Amino acid sequence: MPISATAPPASPAPALLDHTVAKVTARLLPFLLLMYVLAFLDRANIGFAKKAFQVDTGLSDAAFALGAGIFFIGYALFEIPSNLIMHRVGARAWMCRIMVTWGLISAAMAFAHTETAFYWLRFLLGVAEAGFFPGVILYLTYWIPAHARGRAMGLFYFGAPIAFIFGSPLSGLLLDLHGAGGFAGWQWMFLVEGLLASVVGVWAFWYLDNRPNDATWLTLEEKAALNGAIGAEEASKHAHGPKSVLAALSNPKLLYLCAIYFLIQMSVYGVVFYLPTQVAGLLGQKVGFTVGLVTAIPWVCALAAAYFIPRYSDRTGERRVPAALTLAVSGIGIAVSVATPSPFISLLALCVAAAGFIAVQPLFWTFPTGYLAGAAAAGGIALVNSLGALGGFVAPNVKTWAEGAFASGAAGLYLLAATTVLGALLFLGLKAMGLSEPERITASPDALRAPRAVSPQHQP
């Protein structure tokens, strides 16, 4: 809408803050997105290797499910200490460490020829990657004010869809290299995708800045606007939320959020680990380049949803109801994908499911990041993610159990559809728990005069 000549001028603080947030987003989000693409690819590429890997190693379906899920045990155990270390030493060094070690371990999966080696490497991969995701969520709270965080996290969540849009054909293409250089296709896949993560990890050390005050690419005024807005939010969260790590870890509101995220992750990994083989069954083909291309389709839909839904949420200020509806639709999509005899409708339902459980997560993270501050945020965010990660362990094993208990290949996904809808209902209870949508807080005039010189170790 055009502004009339008689309209009062806009406040300089919000205008400067919006400009600075846009600048920060353009600088940091593409690189964080690249990191997440590689993280998600190295975590979930076991789904592409499943059939060929089982043939070469003799792993049973139950052993594969256990190995796929055991990643999340190591991941959950080390989430909190990893995030506390990052809060202390900064993102540059710690993100580099995380990516280099997980890339090397993922590449070592190429030599997992026994059941024991498979279990150990999946567990160690979880240990190595622990802290990456909650570390990024925490890192964004240092740079992006709460009112714009849903949109920023939506951009970060492009990582999962992009990992499958481009990673699915890449994984399929590498699988088709079977026999080249004396390696099986699944070995090529683990080697190439793992080593890529290590290379980007080294790059992260030189690219990332720990805090706004460290950023040479921000002006003094931009640093001041960002520090003022985020400092005001931190003060508000300290006044109303838990003050310490221990208080955060036993906080009922945070545990309620853990339950929601656990159910979301059950839906994510209950589908992700088996999506390539499910699509292969629909097409009547083995997992390879063609199946990889078709598997990418649901993630294109997820990419669109992760773009539009968080933007709608930021614009309206509504988080709770859009999140509940998005997750409920995802649960319905999971159920329909196995209920219909039509391959086309099944694929369409998988598109709806993937779009829902990806797009709901940026909305979810606005609640814990809008409630926790300082070290409590570092520990609390890690707790939410670690308990949620256990959903990634439970999902494939529960799916396998349900299929055996009910003698039905569809029973597992029906069960996961039900837990997804339960998660949607829990979203509606957030208001009763006293967890409301974040409000916009801009920098005070005093905060605009000079940036605060605070070291990462002494941030609240």
Protein backbone atom coordinates (compact mmCIF):
# COMPACT_ATOMS: atom_id res chain seq x y z
CA MET A 1 0.00 0.00 0.00
CA PRO A 2 1.49 3.42 -0.91
CA ILE A 3 2.18 5.82 1.98
CA SER A 4 0.47 9.19 1.81
CA ALA A 5 2.42 12.43 2.09
CA THR A 6 0.78 13.21 5.43
CA ALA A 7 1.62 9.84 7.05
CA PRO A 8 4.13 10.02 9.89
CA PRO A 9 7.60 8.70 9.11
CA ALA A 10 8.37 5.12 10.08
CA SER A 11 10.36 4.51 13.24
CA PRO A 12 14.03 4.11 12.33
CA ALA A 13 14.54 1.24 14.79
CA PRO A 14 12.12 -1.26 13.19
CA ALA A 15 13.27 -0.28 9.67
CA LEU A 16 16.94 -0.72 10.57
CA LEU A 17 16.21 -3.96 12.41
CA ASP A 18 14.30 -5.41 9.45
CA HIS A 19 17.13 -4.44 7.10
CA THR A 20 19.69 -6.05 9.41
CA VAL A 21 17.66 -9.26 9.79
CA ALA A 22 17.39 -9.50 6.00
CA LYS A 23 21.16 -9.03 5.71
CA VAL A 24 21.87 -11.67 8.36
CA THR A 25 19.45 -14.08 6.69
CA ALA A 26 21.12 -13.65 3.30
CA ARG A 27 24.56 -14.20 4.82
CA LEU A 28 23.98 -17.13 7.20
CA LEU A 29 20.96 -19.13 6.03
CA PRO A 30 22.38 -20.42 2.71
CA PHE A 31 25.44 -21.83 4.47
CA LEU A 32 23.47 -23.28 7.39
CA LEU A 33 21.14 -24.77 4.81
CA LEU A 34 24.05 -26.46 3.02
CA MET A 35 25.19 -27.92 6.34
CA TYR A 36 21.70 -29.26 7.08
CA VAL A 37 21.38 -30.79 3.61
CA LEU A 38 24.52 -32.82 4.21
CA ALA A 39 23.48 -33.70 7.78
CA PHE A 40 20.09 -34.98 6.70
CA LEU A 41 21.54 -36.81 3.72
CA ASP A 42 24.14 -38.62 5.84
CA ARG A 43 21.51 -39.46 8.43
CA ALA A 44 18.87 -40.81 6.05
CA ASN A 45 20.85 -42.21 3.09
CA ILE A 46 20.72 -45.59 4.82
CA GLY A 47 17.20 -45.79 3.38
CA PHE A 48 18.62 -45.79 -0.15
CA ALA A 49 21.24 -48.37 0.71
CA LYS A 50 18.72 -50.63 2.48
CA LYS A 51 18.07 -53.34 -0.07
CA ALA A 52 21.55 -53.63 -1.60
CA PHE A 53 23.19 -53.26 1.83
CA GLN A 54 21.05 -56.05 3.27
CA VAL A 55 21.81 -58.33 0.33
CA ASP A 56 25.58 -57.81 0.68
CA THR A 57 25.73 -58.04 4.48
CA GLY A 58 22.89 -60.48 5.20
CA LEU A 59 21.17 -58.09 7.63
CA SER A 60 17.57 -58.96 8.54
CA ASP A 61 14.77 -56.37 8.49
CA ALA A 62 14.80 -56.27 12.31
CA ALA A 63 18.57 -55.76 12.40
CA PHE A 64 18.31 -52.99 9.81
CA ALA A 65 15.55 -51.26 11.80
CA LEU A 66 17.65 -51.45 14.97
CA GLY A 67 20.75 -50.09 13.21
CA ALA A 68 18.78 -47.31 11.52
CA GLY A 69 17.32 -46.28 14.85
CA ILE A 70 20.40 -46.72 17.07
CA PHE A 71 21.83 -43.56 15.51
CA PHE A 72 19.37 -41.63 17.66
CA ILE A 73 20.55 -43.23 20.90
CA GLY A 74 24.05 -41.81 20.48
CA TYR A 75 22.54 -38.58 19.19
CA ALA A 76 20.24 -38.17 22.20
CA LEU A 77 22.90 -39.02 24.81
CA PHE A 78 25.30 -36.29 23.68
CA GLU A 79 22.91 -33.53 22.57
CA ILE A 80 22.89 -31.54 25.81
CA PRO A 81 26.66 -31.56 26.55
CA SER A 82 27.37 -30.77 22.89
CA ASN A 83 25.06 -27.74 22.88
CA LEU A 84 26.44 -26.46 26.18
CA ILE A 85 29.95 -26.69 24.73
CA MET A 86 28.88 -24.75 21.64
CA HIS A 87 27.30 -22.07 23.84
CA ARG A 88 30.64 -21.81 25.62
CA VAL A 89 33.22 -21.99 22.80
CA GLY A 90 31.19 -20.64 19.87
CA ALA A 91 29.74 -22.02 16.66
CA ARG A 92 32.82 -21.71 14.43
CA ALA A 93 34.98 -24.29 16.14
CA TRP A 94 32.21 -26.57 17.35
CA MET A 95 30.28 -26.81 14.06
CA CYS A 96 33.56 -27.57 12.31
CA ARG A 97 34.27 -30.39 14.77
CA ILE A 98 30.78 -31.83 14.41
CA MET A 99 30.77 -31.88 10.61
CA VAL A 100 34.30 -33.22 10.12
CA THR A 101 33.82 -36.13 12.52
CA TRP A 102 30.36 -37.11 11.33
CA GLY A 103 31.52 -36.97 7.70
CA LEU A 104 34.42 -39.32 8.36
CA ILE A 105 32.22 -41.77 10.29
CA SER A 106 29.55 -41.68 7.59
CA ALA A 107 32.22 -42.44 4.97
CA ALA A 108 33.40 -45.36 7.13
CA MET A 109 29.92 -46.91 6.71
CA ALA A 110 31.25 -48.05 3.32
CA PHE A 111 33.19 -50.73 5.21
CA ALA A 112 30.39 -51.88 7.56
CA HIS A 113 30.24 -55.48 6.35
CA THR A 114 29.00 -57.00 9.61
CA GLU A 115 25.99 -56.45 11.84
CA THR A 116 28.24 -55.37 14.75
CA ALA A 117 30.12 -52.82 12.62
CA PHE A 118 26.81 -51.48 11.32
CA TYR A 119 25.47 -50.95 14.84
CA TRP A 120 28.65 -49.29 16.12
CA LEU A 121 29.05 -46.93 13.18
CA ARG A 122 25.40 -45.85 13.32
CA PHE A 123 25.76 -45.21 17.07
CA LEU A 124 29.02 -43.25 16.58
CA LEU A 125 27.44 -41.27 13.74
CA GLY A 126 24.77 -40.16 16.21
CA VAL A 127 27.43 -39.23 18.79
CA ALA A 128 29.38 -37.22 16.20
CA GLU A 129 26.36 -35.36 14.86
CA ALA A 130 24.89 -34.68 18.33
CA GLY A 131 24.49 -30.97 18.88
CA PHE A 132 24.40 -29.97 15.23
CA PHE A 133 20.68 -29.33 14.89
CA PRO A 134 20.02 -27.80 18.33
CA GLY A 135 23.27 -25.89 17.87
CA VAL A 136 21.90 -24.24 14.74
CA ILE A 137 18.57 -23.50 16.45
CA LEU A 138 20.47 -21.90 19.35
CA TYR A 139 22.78 -20.08 16.92
CA LEU A 140 19.79 -18.50 15.19
CA THR A 141 18.58 -17.06 18.51
CA TYR A 142 21.84 -15.07 18.63
CA TRP A 143 21.13 -13.51 15.24
CA ILE A 144 17.38 -13.51 14.45
CA PRO A 145 14.72 -11.82 16.66
CA ALA A 146 11.70 -13.91 17.64
CA HIS A 147 9.19 -12.17 15.37
CA ALA A 148 11.21 -13.19 12.27
CA ARG A 149 12.46 -16.55 13.52
CA GLY A 150 9.66 -18.68 12.05
CA ARG A 151 10.55 -17.53 8.55
CA ALA A 152 14.29 -18.01 9.14
CA MET A 153 13.76 -21.50 10.50
CA GLY A 154 11.48 -22.24 7.55
CA LEU A 155 14.41 -21.43 5.25
CA PHE A 156 16.69 -23.63 7.33
CA TYR A 157 14.18 -26.46 7.08
CA PHE A 158 14.59 -26.34 3.31
CA GLY A 159 17.54 -28.61 4.11
CA ALA A 160 15.51 -31.80 4.51
CA PRO A 161 13.51 -31.39 1.26
CA ILE A 162 16.61 -30.27 -0.68
CA ALA A 163 18.52 -33.27 0.68
CA PHE A 164 15.96 -35.49 -0.97
CA ILE A 165 15.25 -33.40 -4.08
CA PHE A 166 18.91 -33.39 -5.07
CA GLY A 167 20.22 -36.06 -2.73
CA SER A 168 17.75 -38.71 -3.84
CA PRO A 169 18.92 -38.70 -7.48
CA LEU A 170 22.54 -38.36 -6.28
CA SER A 171 22.18 -41.35 -3.96
CA GLY A 172 20.47 -43.31 -6.72
CA LEU A 173 23.20 -42.39 -9.20
CA LEU A 174 25.94 -43.46 -6.77
CA LEU A 175 24.12 -46.74 -6.17
CA ASP A 176 24.18 -47.28 -9.93
CA LEU A 177 28.01 -47.11 -9.80
CA HIS A 178 27.92 -50.67 -8.45
CA GLY A 179 31.18 -52.44 -9.33
CA ALA A 180 33.14 -49.31 -10.28
CA GLY A 181 36.63 -49.44 -8.76
CA GLY A 182 35.73 -52.68 -7.03
CA PHE A 183 33.19 -50.99 -4.73
CA ALA A 184 29.49 -51.69 -4.38
CA GLY A 185 27.09 -48.85 -5.18
CA TRP A 186 26.14 -48.37 -1.52
CA GLN A 187 29.84 -48.03 -0.65
CA TRP A 188 30.27 -45.24 -3.19
CA MET A 189 27.23 -43.49 -1.72
CA PHE A 190 28.55 -43.51 1.85
CA LEU A 191 32.08 -42.48 0.81
CA VAL A 192 31.15 -39.54 -1.41
CA GLU A 193 28.37 -38.09 0.75
CA GLY A 194 30.34 -38.52 3.98
CA LEU A 195 33.50 -36.84 2.71
CA LEU A 196 31.46 -33.91 1.35
CA ALA A 197 30.29 -33.18 4.90
CA SER A 198 33.88 -33.11 6.20
CA VAL A 199 34.93 -30.63 3.51
CA VAL A 200 32.05 -28.28 4.37
CA GLY A 201 32.94 -28.63 8.06
CA VAL A 202 36.39 -27.20 7.42
CA TRP A 203 34.78 -24.37 5.42
CA ALA A 204 32.44 -23.61 8.36
CA PHE A 205 35.40 -22.70 10.57
CA TRP A 206 36.35 -19.87 8.21
CA TYR A 207 32.82 -18.75 7.27
CA LEU A 208 30.75 -18.59 10.48
CA ASP A 209 30.92 -15.79 13.06
CA ASN A 210 30.04 -16.63 16.65
CA ARG A 211 27.98 -13.51 17.46
CA PRO A 212 26.86 -10.28 15.75
CA ASN A 213 29.70 -8.34 17.38
CA ASP A 214 32.18 -10.62 15.57
CA ALA A 215 30.68 -9.93 12.13
CA THR A 216 32.84 -7.60 10.04
CA TRP A 217 30.08 -7.57 7.41
CA LEU A 218 27.66 -5.70 9.76
CA THR A 219 27.91 -1.95 10.44
CA LEU A 220 28.03 -0.60 13.99
CA GLU A 221 24.41 0.58 13.66
CA GLU A 222 23.28 -2.83 12.42
CA LYS A 223 25.04 -4.58 15.28
CA ALA A 224 23.43 -2.18 17.74
CA ALA A 225 19.92 -2.75 16.34
CA LEU A 226 20.34 -6.51 16.46
CA ASN A 227 21.88 -6.54 19.93
CA GLY A 228 19.17 -4.23 21.24
CA ALA A 229 16.27 -6.32 19.96
CA ILE A 230 17.73 -9.68 20.95
CA GLY A 231 18.94 -8.31 24.30
CA ALA A 232 15.42 -7.11 25.11
CA GLU A 233 14.02 -10.55 24.25
CA GLU A 234 16.65 -12.28 26.39
CA ALA A 235 15.77 -10.05 29.36
CA SER A 236 12.08 -10.88 28.95
CA LYS A 237 12.77 -14.62 28.72
CA HIS A 238 15.04 -14.51 31.78
CA ALA A 239 12.23 -12.80 33.70
CA HIS A 240 9.55 -15.36 32.80
CA GLY A 241 11.38 -18.60 31.99
CA PRO A 242 13.76 -20.99 33.78
CA LYS A 243 17.01 -19.37 34.90
CA SER A 244 19.41 -22.33 34.75
CA VAL A 245 20.09 -25.48 32.76
CA LEU A 246 18.80 -27.72 35.57
CA ALA A 247 15.63 -25.65 35.95
CA ALA A 248 15.03 -25.87 32.20
CA LEU A 249 15.51 -29.64 32.05
CA SER A 250 12.79 -30.24 34.67
CA ASN A 251 10.41 -27.53 33.48
CA PRO A 252 6.86 -28.91 32.76
CA LYS A 253 6.35 -26.59 29.78
CA LEU A 254 9.57 -27.78 28.21
CA LEU A 255 8.71 -31.44 28.82
CA TYR A 256 5.36 -30.85 27.12
CA LEU A 257 7.20 -29.45 24.12
CA CYS A 258 9.48 -32.51 24.19
CA ALA A 259 6.42 -34.76 23.87
CA ILE A 260 5.20 -32.86 20.80
CA TYR A 261 8.58 -32.98 19.11
CA PHE A 262 8.95 -36.68 19.88
CA LEU A 263 5.70 -37.38 18.01
CA ILE A 264 6.74 -35.16 15.09
CA GLN A 265 10.02 -37.03 14.73
CA MET A 266 8.24 -40.37 14.84
CA SER A 267 6.25 -39.32 11.77
CA VAL A 268 9.36 -37.94 10.02
CA TYR A 269 11.61 -40.96 10.40
CA GLY A 270 8.87 -43.54 10.20
CA VAL A 271 8.43 -42.31 6.62
CA VAL A 272 11.96 -41.18 5.69
CA PHE A 273 13.77 -44.48 6.33
CA TYR A 274 11.28 -46.41 4.20
CA LEU A 275 10.24 -43.87 1.55
CA PRO A 276 12.65 -45.08 -1.18
CA THR A 277 11.54 -48.71 -0.83
CA GLN A 278 7.89 -47.63 -0.63
CA VAL A 279 8.23 -45.64 -3.86
CA ALA A 280 10.10 -48.54 -5.47
CA GLY A 281 7.15 -50.77 -4.60
CA LEU A 282 4.71 -48.31 -6.16
CA LEU A 283 6.77 -48.18 -9.36
CA GLY A 284 7.64 -51.88 -9.41
CA GLN A 285 11.36 -51.08 -9.76
CA LYS A 286 14.53 -51.48 -7.70
CA VAL A 287 15.95 -48.48 -5.87
CA GLY A 288 18.15 -46.54 -8.28
CA PHE A 289 18.23 -43.30 -10.24
CA THR A 290 14.58 -43.46 -11.45
CA VAL A 291 13.23 -44.24 -7.99
CA GLY A 292 15.46 -41.47 -6.63
CA LEU A 293 13.86 -38.96 -8.99
CA VAL A 294 10.32 -39.98 -8.03
CA THR A 295 11.23 -40.02 -4.33
CA ALA A 296 12.21 -36.37 -4.70
CA ILE A 297 8.62 -35.35 -5.59
CA PRO A 298 7.23 -35.35 -2.01
CA TRP A 299 10.18 -33.21 -0.94
CA VAL A 300 9.43 -30.60 -3.60
CA CYS A 301 6.01 -30.27 -1.95
CA ALA A 302 7.70 -30.09 1.46
CA LEU A 303 9.96 -27.31 0.17
CA ALA A 304 6.96 -25.24 -0.90
CA ALA A 305 5.20 -25.83 2.42
CA ALA A 306 8.32 -24.87 4.41
CA TYR A 307 8.41 -21.60 2.46
CA PHE A 308 4.77 -20.52 2.65
CA ILE A 309 3.48 -21.79 6.01
CA PRO A 310 6.13 -20.15 8.26
CA ARG A 311 5.72 -16.90 6.31
CA TYR A 312 1.99 -17.00 6.88
CA SER A 313 2.66 -17.68 10.57
CA ASP A 314 5.11 -14.76 10.90
CA ARG A 315 2.71 -12.43 9.10
CA THR A 316 -0.31 -13.31 11.26
CA GLY A 317 1.58 -13.95 14.49
CA GLU A 318 -0.31 -17.26 14.82
CA ARG A 319 1.75 -20.40 15.55
CA ARG A 320 -0.38 -22.86 17.52
CA VAL A 321 -3.41 -23.43 15.27
CA PRO A 322 -1.50 -23.43 11.94
CA ALA A 323 0.96 -25.93 13.44
CA ALA A 324 -1.85 -28.22 14.67
CA LEU A 325 -3.61 -28.17 11.30
CA THR A 326 -0.37 -28.74 9.38
CA LEU A 327 0.58 -31.78 11.48
CA ALA A 328 -2.95 -33.23 11.38
CA VAL A 329 -2.96 -33.06 7.58
CA SER A 330 0.41 -34.83 7.59
CA GLY A 331 -1.03 -37.67 9.67
CA ILE A 332 -3.93 -38.05 7.26
CA GLY A 333 -1.45 -38.17 4.37
CA ILE A 334 0.53 -40.99 6.02
CA ALA A 335 -2.66 -43.03 6.49
CA VAL A 336 -3.96 -42.46 2.96
CA SER A 337 -0.58 -43.43 1.44
CA VAL A 338 -1.16 -47.05 2.48
CA ALA A 339 -4.97 -47.09 2.41
CA THR A 340 -5.36 -46.49 -1.32
CA PRO A 341 -4.70 -49.06 -4.07
CA SER A 342 -3.81 -46.26 -6.51
CA PRO A 343 -0.04 -45.58 -6.86
CA PHE A 344 -0.81 -42.01 -7.97
CA ILE A 345 -2.99 -41.22 -4.94
CA SER A 346 -0.47 -42.93 -2.67
CA LEU A 347 2.34 -40.73 -4.01
CA LEU A 348 0.11 -37.66 -3.65
CA ALA A 349 -0.61 -38.62 -0.03
CA LEU A 350 3.11 -38.99 0.64
CA CYS A 351 3.55 -35.47 -0.75
CA VAL A 352 0.98 -34.17 1.74
CA ALA A 353 2.61 -36.11 4.60
CA ALA A 354 6.13 -34.83 3.85
CA ALA A 355 4.90 -31.26 3.38
CA GLY A 356 3.14 -31.36 6.74
CA PHE A 357 5.79 -32.85 8.96
CA ILE A 358 8.52 -30.63 7.50
CA ALA A 359 6.59 -27.34 7.52
CA VAL A 360 5.32 -27.79 11.09
CA GLN A 361 8.81 -27.89 12.57
CA PRO A 362 9.82 -24.22 12.03
CA LEU A 363 6.56 -23.27 13.79
CA PHE A 364 7.28 -25.68 16.61
CA TRP A 365 10.74 -24.23 17.31
CA THR A 366 9.36 -20.73 17.85
CA PHE A 367 7.92 -21.96 21.17
CA PRO A 368 11.06 -23.23 22.96
CA THR A 369 13.25 -20.46 21.50
CA GLY A 370 10.66 -17.87 22.54
CA TYR A 371 10.62 -19.21 26.10
CA LEU A 372 14.25 -20.06 26.94
CA ALA A 373 17.33 -17.82 27.22
CA GLY A 374 21.08 -18.15 27.79
CA ALA A 375 22.45 -21.43 29.10
CA ALA A 376 18.89 -22.59 29.81
CA ALA A 377 18.22 -22.22 26.08
CA ALA A 378 21.35 -24.20 25.19
CA GLY A 379 20.37 -27.08 27.48
CA GLY A 380 16.62 -26.87 26.93
CA ILE A 381 16.76 -26.78 23.13
CA ALA A 382 19.14 -29.74 23.21
CA LEU A 383 16.79 -31.65 25.53
CA VAL A 384 13.84 -31.09 23.20
CA ASN A 385 15.86 -32.24 20.21
CA SER A 386 17.41 -35.22 22.00
CA LEU A 387 14.08 -36.57 23.27
CA GLY A 388 12.62 -35.87 19.85
CA ALA A 389 15.47 -37.82 18.32
CA LEU A 390 14.35 -40.84 20.31
CA GLY A 391 11.27 -40.70 18.10
CA GLY A 392 13.64 -41.51 15.24
CA PHE A 393 14.74 -44.61 17.16
CA VAL A 394 11.23 -45.67 18.18
CA ALA A 395 9.55 -45.11 14.79
CA PRO A 396 11.27 -47.79 12.63
CA ASN A 397 11.12 -50.35 15.45
CA VAL A 398 7.46 -49.64 16.25
CA LYS A 399 6.66 -49.80 12.55
CA THR A 400 8.34 -53.19 12.23
CA TRP A 401 6.61 -54.44 15.42
CA ALA A 402 3.15 -53.33 14.22
CA GLU A 403 3.60 -54.98 10.83
CA GLY A 404 4.49 -58.26 12.53
CA ALA A 405 1.89 -58.06 15.30
CA PHE A 406 -0.98 -57.34 12.91
CA ALA A 407 0.43 -59.36 10.00
CA SER A 408 -0.02 -56.32 7.78
CA GLY A 409 2.50 -54.23 5.85
CA ALA A 410 0.24 -51.20 6.34
CA ALA A 411 -0.16 -51.46 10.13
CA GLY A 412 3.07 -49.64 10.92
CA LEU A 413 2.18 -46.54 8.92
CA TYR A 414 -1.37 -46.50 10.32
CA LEU A 415 0.12 -46.45 13.81
CA LEU A 416 2.49 -43.61 12.86
CA ALA A 417 -0.44 -41.70 11.35
CA ALA A 418 -2.25 -41.95 14.69
CA THR A 419 0.75 -40.68 16.69
CA THR A 420 1.08 -37.78 14.24
CA VAL A 421 -2.53 -36.72 14.82
CA LEU A 422 -1.92 -37.00 18.58
CA GLY A 423 0.95 -34.53 18.16
CA ALA A 424 -1.44 -32.14 16.40
CA LEU A 425 -3.84 -32.32 19.36
CA LEU A 426 -1.00 -31.53 21.77
CA PHE A 427 -0.27 -28.34 19.80
CA LEU A 428 -3.77 -27.14 20.67
CA GLY A 429 -2.93 -27.56 24.37
CA LEU A 430 0.01 -25.12 24.25
CA LYS A 431 -2.19 -22.17 25.22
CA ALA A 432 -3.36 -23.94 28.36
CA MET A 433 0.31 -24.61 29.18
CA GLY A 434 1.02 -20.87 29.06
CA LEU A 435 3.14 -21.02 25.90
CA SER A 436 2.00 -18.21 23.61
CA GLU A 437 3.15 -16.85 20.28
CA PRO A 438 6.20 -14.51 20.40
CA GLU A 439 5.70 -10.77 20.13
CA ARG A 440 7.86 -8.35 18.17
CA ILE A 441 10.41 -6.52 20.34
CA THR A 442 12.52 -3.83 18.66
CA ALA A 443 15.66 -2.10 19.81
CA SER A 444 15.35 0.75 22.27
CA PRO A 445 16.80 4.13 21.25
CA ASP A 446 19.66 3.70 23.73
CA ALA A 447 20.53 0.31 22.24
CA LEU A 448 20.97 1.91 18.81
CA ARG A 449 23.92 4.05 19.90
CA ALA A 450 26.60 1.37 20.13
CA PRO A 451 26.90 -2.39 20.02
CA ARG A 452 27.42 -4.27 23.23
CA ALA A 453 30.89 -5.75 23.52
CA VAL A 454 30.07 -9.07 25.12
CA SER A 455 32.12 -12.22 24.67
CA PRO A 456 30.37 -15.50 23.86
CA GLN A 457 31.46 -16.93 27.21
CA HIS A 458 29.74 -14.15 29.15
CA GLN A 459 26.48 -13.94 27.24
CA PRO A 460 23.42 -14.58 29.46
